[in-house]
C-alpha atoms as a PDB file:
ATOM      1  CA  MET A   1      -3.663  34.495 -36.852  1.00  0.00           C
ATOM      2  CA  GLU A   2      -0.431  32.750 -36.046  1.00  0.00           C
ATOM      3  CA  THR A   3      -0.125  31.051 -32.814  1.00  0.00           C
ATOM      4  CA  ALA A   4      -3.087  28.983 -30.817  1.00  0.00           C
ATOM      5  CA  LEU A   5      -3.666  27.407 -27.231  1.00  0.00           C
ATOM      6  CA  ILE A   6      -5.601  24.124 -26.918  1.00  0.00           C
ATOM      7  CA  VAL A   7      -6.784  23.337 -23.338  1.00  0.00           C
ATOM      8  CA  SER A   8      -8.192  20.136 -23.477  1.00  0.00           C
ATOM      9  CA  SER A   9      -7.993  17.274 -20.311  1.00  0.00           C
ATOM     10  CA  THR A  10      -7.890  14.348 -22.500  1.00  0.00           C
ATOM     11  CA  ASP A  11      -5.208  13.399 -25.171  1.00  0.00           C
ATOM     12  CA  ALA A  12      -7.572  12.342 -27.831  1.00  0.00           C
ATOM     13  CA  GLY A  13      -9.339  15.994 -27.353  1.00  0.00           C
ATOM     14  CA  ILE A  14      -5.811  17.875 -28.173  1.00  0.00           C
ATOM     15  CA  LYS A  15      -5.291  15.504 -31.146  1.00  0.00           C
ATOM     16  CA  ALA A  16      -8.719  16.337 -32.553  1.00  0.00           C
ATOM     17  CA  LEU A  17      -8.210  19.858 -32.123  1.00  0.00           C
ATOM     18  CA  PHE A  18      -5.107  20.014 -33.162  1.00  0.00           C
ATOM     19  CA  ALA A  19      -6.013  18.205 -36.517  1.00  0.00           C
ATOM     20  CA  LEU A  20      -8.884  20.543 -36.677  1.00  0.00           C
ATOM     21  CA  LEU A  21      -6.669  23.728 -36.336  1.00  0.00           C
ATOM     22  CA  LYS A  22      -3.569  22.844 -38.357  1.00  0.00           C
ATOM     23  CA  GLY A  23      -5.958  23.649 -41.343  1.00  0.00           C
ATOM     24  CA  LEU A  24      -5.573  27.401 -40.333  1.00  0.00           C
ATOM     25  CA  HIS A  25      -2.076  26.954 -40.969  1.00  0.00           C
ATOM     26  CA  LEU A  26      -0.723  28.415 -37.747  1.00  0.00           C
ATOM     27  CA  ARG A  27       2.644  28.753 -37.009  1.00  0.00           C
ATOM     28  CA  ASP A  28       2.701  27.507 -33.366  1.00  0.00           C
ATOM     29  CA  ILE A  29       0.023  25.390 -31.711  1.00  0.00           C
ATOM     30  CA  GLN A  30       0.559  24.414 -27.698  1.00  0.00           C
ATOM     31  CA  PHE A  31      -1.209  22.509 -25.344  1.00  0.00           C
ATOM     32  CA  ALA A  32      -2.419  22.460 -21.818  1.00  0.00           C
ATOM     33  CA  MET A  33      -4.210  19.655 -20.198  1.00  0.00           C
ATOM     34  CA  ASN A  34      -5.722  21.747 -17.313  1.00  0.00           C
ATOM     35  CA  SER A  35      -6.578  25.432 -16.324  1.00  0.00           C
ATOM     36  CA  GLY A  36      -3.899  25.639 -14.092  1.00  0.00           C
ATOM     37  CA  GLU A  37      -1.432  24.504 -16.755  1.00  0.00           C
ATOM     38  CA  ALA A  38      -3.275  27.148 -19.441  1.00  0.00           C
ATOM     39  CA  ARG A  39      -3.222  29.943 -16.892  1.00  0.00           C
ATOM     40  CA  ARG A  40       0.842  29.474 -16.753  1.00  0.00           C
ATOM     41  CA  ARG A  41       1.079  29.446 -20.232  1.00  0.00           C
ATOM     42  CA  LEU A  42      -0.873  32.470 -20.778  1.00  0.00           C
ATOM     43  CA  ALA A  43       1.326  34.215 -18.105  1.00  0.00           C
ATOM     44  CA  ASN A  44       4.567  33.727 -20.520  1.00  0.00           C
ATOM     45  CA  GLN A  45       3.099  34.031 -24.055  1.00  0.00           C
ATOM     46  CA  GLU A  46       0.470  35.838 -25.969  1.00  0.00           C
ATOM     47  CA  TYR A  47      -1.960  33.557 -28.295  1.00  0.00           C
ATOM     48  CA  ASP A  48      -4.244  34.621 -31.424  1.00  0.00           C
ATOM     49  CA  LEU A  49      -6.764  32.036 -30.235  1.00  0.00           C
ATOM     50  CA  ALA A  50      -7.587  29.662 -27.220  1.00  0.00           C
ATOM     51  CA  VAL A  51      -9.532  26.638 -27.749  1.00  0.00           C
ATOM     52  CA  VAL A  52     -11.105  25.516 -23.906  1.00  0.00           C
ATOM     53  CA  ASN A  53     -12.604  21.612 -24.300  1.00  0.00           C
ATOM     54  CA  THR A  54     -15.112  21.673 -21.166  1.00  0.00           C
ATOM     55  CA  PRO A  55     -14.571  19.483 -18.959  1.00  0.00           C
ATOM     56  CA  LEU A  56     -11.316  20.452 -17.800  1.00  0.00           C
ATOM     57  CA  ARG A  57     -10.065  18.113 -14.657  1.00  0.00           C
ATOM     58  CA  ASP A  58      -9.391  20.902 -12.293  1.00  0.00           C
ATOM     59  CA  GLU A  59     -12.552  23.174 -13.170  1.00  0.00           C
ATOM     60  CA  PHE A  60     -15.035  22.938 -15.390  1.00  0.00           C
ATOM     61  CA  GLY A  61     -13.571  25.472 -18.161  1.00  0.00           C
ATOM     62  CA  SER A  62     -16.004  28.607 -18.433  1.00  0.00           C
ATOM     63  CA  ASP A  63     -13.754  30.620 -16.363  1.00  0.00           C
ATOM     64  CA  LEU A  64     -10.826  29.725 -18.092  1.00  0.00           C
ATOM     65  CA  ALA A  65     -12.369  30.985 -21.019  1.00  0.00           C
ATOM     66  CA  CYS A  66     -13.794  34.132 -19.550  1.00  0.00           C
ATOM     67  CA  HIS A  67     -10.559  34.988 -17.965  1.00  0.00           C
ATOM     68  CA  ILE A  68      -8.492  34.808 -21.464  1.00  0.00           C
ATOM     69  CA  ALA A  69     -11.046  36.827 -23.202  1.00  0.00           C
ATOM     70  CA  GLU A  70     -10.937  39.417 -20.411  1.00  0.00           C
ATOM     71  CA  SER A  71      -7.002  39.573 -19.806  1.00  0.00           C
ATOM     72  CA  THR A  72      -5.776  38.899 -23.433  1.00  0.00           C
ATOM     73  CA  THR A  73      -6.072  39.712 -26.821  1.00  0.00           C
ATOM     74  CA  ALA A  74      -7.052  35.973 -28.057  1.00  0.00           C
ATOM     75  CA  GLY A  75      -9.972  34.517 -29.479  1.00  0.00           C
ATOM     76  CA  VAL A  76     -11.770  32.379 -27.172  1.00  0.00           C
ATOM     77  CA  LEU A  77     -13.615  29.310 -28.298  1.00  0.00           C
ATOM     78  CA  LEU A  78     -15.355  27.064 -25.532  1.00  0.00           C
ATOM     79  CA  LEU A  79     -16.384  23.720 -26.535  1.00  0.00           C
ATOM     80  CA  ILE A  80     -19.162  22.514 -24.754  1.00  0.00           C
ATOM     81  CA  LYS A  81     -21.936  19.396 -24.705  1.00  0.00           C
ATOM     82  CA  LEU A  82     -24.996  20.344 -26.659  1.00  0.00           C
ATOM     83  CA  GLU A  83     -27.146  20.107 -23.655  1.00  0.00           C
ATOM     84  CA  TYR A  84     -25.483  22.628 -21.713  1.00  0.00           C
ATOM     85  CA  ALA A  85     -24.488  24.993 -24.216  1.00  0.00           C
ATOM     86  CA  ALA A  86     -27.401  27.768 -23.960  1.00  0.00           C
ATOM     87  CA  GLU A  87     -26.927  27.836 -20.265  1.00  0.00           C
ATOM     88  CA  ILE A  88     -22.939  28.215 -20.531  1.00  0.00           C
ATOM     89  CA  ASN A  89     -23.406  30.777 -23.438  1.00  0.00           C
ATOM     90  CA  ALA A  90     -25.849  33.006 -21.333  1.00  0.00           C
ATOM     91  CA  LYS A  91     -22.694  33.276 -18.493  1.00  0.00           C
ATOM     92  CA  VAL A  92     -19.751  33.816 -21.039  1.00  0.00           C
ATOM     93  CA  GLU A  93     -21.087  36.111 -23.857  1.00  0.00           C
ATOM     94  CA  ALA A  94     -20.468  39.009 -22.240  1.00  0.00           C
ATOM     95  CA  SER A  95     -17.035  38.428 -21.988  1.00  0.00           C
ATOM     96  CA  GLY A  96     -16.376  37.395 -25.762  1.00  0.00           C
ATOM     97  CA  VAL A  97     -16.349  33.831 -25.473  1.00  0.00           C
ATOM     98  CA  PHE A  98     -17.866  31.871 -28.216  1.00  0.00           C
ATOM     99  CA  VAL A  99     -19.503  28.529 -27.275  1.00  0.00           C
ATOM    100  CA  LEU A 100     -19.348  26.172 -29.833  1.00  0.00           C
ATOM    101  CA  GLU A 101     -21.524  22.704 -29.125  1.00  0.00           C
ATOM    102  CA  LYS A 102     -19.987  19.399 -29.424  1.00  0.00           C
ATOM    103  CA  PRO A 103     -18.887  17.436 -31.142  1.00  0.00           C
ATOM    104  CA  VAL A 104     -17.328  20.075 -33.606  1.00  0.00           C
ATOM    105  CA  SER A 105     -16.490  19.646 -37.309  1.00  0.00           C
ATOM    106  CA  ARG A 106     -13.669  20.773 -39.909  1.00  0.00           C
ATOM    107  CA  SER A 107     -15.985  22.944 -41.318  1.00  0.00           C
ATOM    108  CA  MET A 108     -16.721  24.948 -37.815  1.00  0.00           C
ATOM    109  CA  PHE A 109     -13.008  25.634 -38.310  1.00  0.00           C
ATOM    110  CA  GLN A 110     -12.956  27.237 -41.558  1.00  0.00           C
ATOM    111  CA  TYR A 111     -12.895  30.827 -43.069  1.00  0.00           C
END
């Protein structure tokens, strides 16, 4: 795995996820602040991993996660508050999206 896209509507979310992902020794980690920006980046570059931190400003984020999983070869992680995780997981698992409950920890990103 060499490239990743973090999609989060907050600077704090991007910084926290960047800190978690840098431990994976990725060559290139890019950011998008909303779904529209993420879709533009996806049109121009392939990623090995996409992490979508819900909710986004322009959509919740589950549709974006499914779009990425269905139209690219990237692994997709969808970060969701505990109370919504089971419901959203039921909607996105067929697309190959992996749901993680927030808050996430460093151990969740180790392999």
